[in-house]
Amino acid sequence: MANPLRGVVIRLYKNLLYLGREYPQGSAYFRERLKSAFMKNKDVTDPEKIRQLVARGDFVIKELEALYFLRKYRAMKKRYYEPEK
């Protein structure tokens, strides 16, 4: 019987992989770290532990989005506002 959380985990991996394309240290660095994090937990079978790990992954997604929004805000601020003296 297949694990019902398998689809959730795969979706999380794909979302993180997509968000990692614009990572400041490079997409290859992010992909390598992402793969190692998922491979480290590949043998987890407890559904509650899997849910905790997925929740942690969702937190990472929110942090990455915040990082990207902040970078975009800083670029727009630099482009349109006078530098403070």
Protein backbone atom coordinates (compact mmCIF):
# COMPACT_ATOMS: atom_id res chain seq x y z
CA MET A 1 0.00 0.00 0.00
CA ALA A 2 1.40 3.37 -1.00
CA ASN A 3 1.91 6.06 1.59
CA PRO A 4 -0.78 8.78 1.22
CA LEU A 5 1.78 11.46 2.17
CA ARG A 6 4.02 10.57 -0.75
CA GLY A 7 2.30 13.07 -3.04
CA VAL A 8 2.62 15.82 -0.44
CA VAL A 9 6.34 15.17 -0.08
CA ILE A 10 6.90 15.12 -3.85
CA ARG A 11 4.94 18.36 -4.26
CA LEU A 12 7.03 19.96 -1.50
CA TYR A 13 10.25 18.85 -3.21
CA LYS A 14 9.13 20.25 -6.57
CA ASN A 15 8.07 23.57 -5.02
CA LEU A 16 11.39 23.92 -3.22
CA LEU A 17 13.27 22.99 -6.38
CA TYR A 18 11.37 25.66 -8.30
CA LEU A 19 12.01 28.32 -5.64
CA GLY A 20 15.69 27.40 -5.48
CA ARG A 21 16.33 28.60 -9.03
CA GLU A 22 16.90 32.16 -7.81
CA TYR A 23 18.80 31.30 -4.62
CA PRO A 24 21.60 33.83 -3.94
CA GLN A 25 24.34 31.18 -3.73
CA GLY A 26 23.21 29.54 -6.96
CA SER A 27 20.68 26.96 -7.98
CA ALA A 28 23.24 24.13 -8.04
CA TYR A 29 24.14 24.79 -4.40
CA PHE A 30 20.48 24.88 -3.40
CA ARG A 31 19.64 21.71 -5.36
CA GLU A 32 22.52 19.84 -3.72
CA ARG A 33 21.46 20.91 -0.22
CA LEU A 34 17.80 20.11 -0.96
CA LYS A 35 18.62 16.64 -2.23
CA SER A 36 20.81 15.85 0.77
CA ALA A 37 18.07 17.02 3.17
CA PHE A 38 15.47 14.82 1.50
CA MET A 39 17.82 11.83 1.25
CA LYS A 40 18.67 12.15 4.94
CA ASN A 41 15.00 11.60 5.80
CA LYS A 42 14.13 9.06 3.10
CA ASP A 43 13.74 6.19 5.59
CA VAL A 44 11.18 7.97 7.80
CA THR A 45 7.94 5.98 7.82
CA ASP A 46 6.05 7.45 10.78
CA PRO A 47 3.21 9.60 9.36
CA GLU A 48 3.41 12.10 12.22
CA LYS A 49 7.15 12.60 11.71
CA ILE A 50 6.57 13.03 7.96
CA ARG A 51 3.95 15.70 8.69
CA GLN A 52 6.44 17.51 10.94
CA LEU A 53 9.08 17.43 8.21
CA VAL A 54 6.57 18.70 5.62
CA ALA A 55 5.63 21.54 8.00
CA ARG A 56 9.32 22.40 8.28
CA GLY A 57 9.56 22.40 4.49
CA ASP A 58 6.58 24.76 4.28
CA PHE A 59 8.38 27.07 6.71
CA VAL A 60 11.45 27.02 4.45
CA ILE A 61 9.23 27.96 1.50
CA LYS A 62 7.90 30.96 3.40
CA GLU A 63 11.43 32.01 4.36
CA LEU A 64 12.61 31.77 0.75
CA GLU A 65 9.66 33.84 -0.46
CA ALA A 66 10.44 36.47 2.17
CA LEU A 67 14.08 36.51 1.06
CA TYR A 68 13.09 37.04 -2.57
CA PHE A 69 10.55 39.76 -1.73
CA LEU A 70 13.15 41.57 0.36
CA ARG A 71 15.66 41.39 -2.47
CA LYS A 72 13.09 42.78 -4.90
CA TYR A 73 12.16 45.56 -2.46
CA ARG A 74 15.80 46.56 -1.99
CA ALA A 75 16.38 46.67 -5.74
CA MET A 76 13.33 48.88 -6.29
CA LYS A 77 14.26 51.13 -3.40
CA LYS A 78 17.77 51.57 -4.77
CA ARG A 79 16.40 52.29 -8.23
CA TYR A 80 13.74 54.85 -7.33
CA TYR A 81 14.81 56.58 -4.11
CA GLU A 82 17.68 58.87 -3.24
CA PRO A 83 20.40 57.28 -1.09
CA GLU A 84 20.13 58.36 2.54
CA LYS A 85 22.98 60.49 3.81
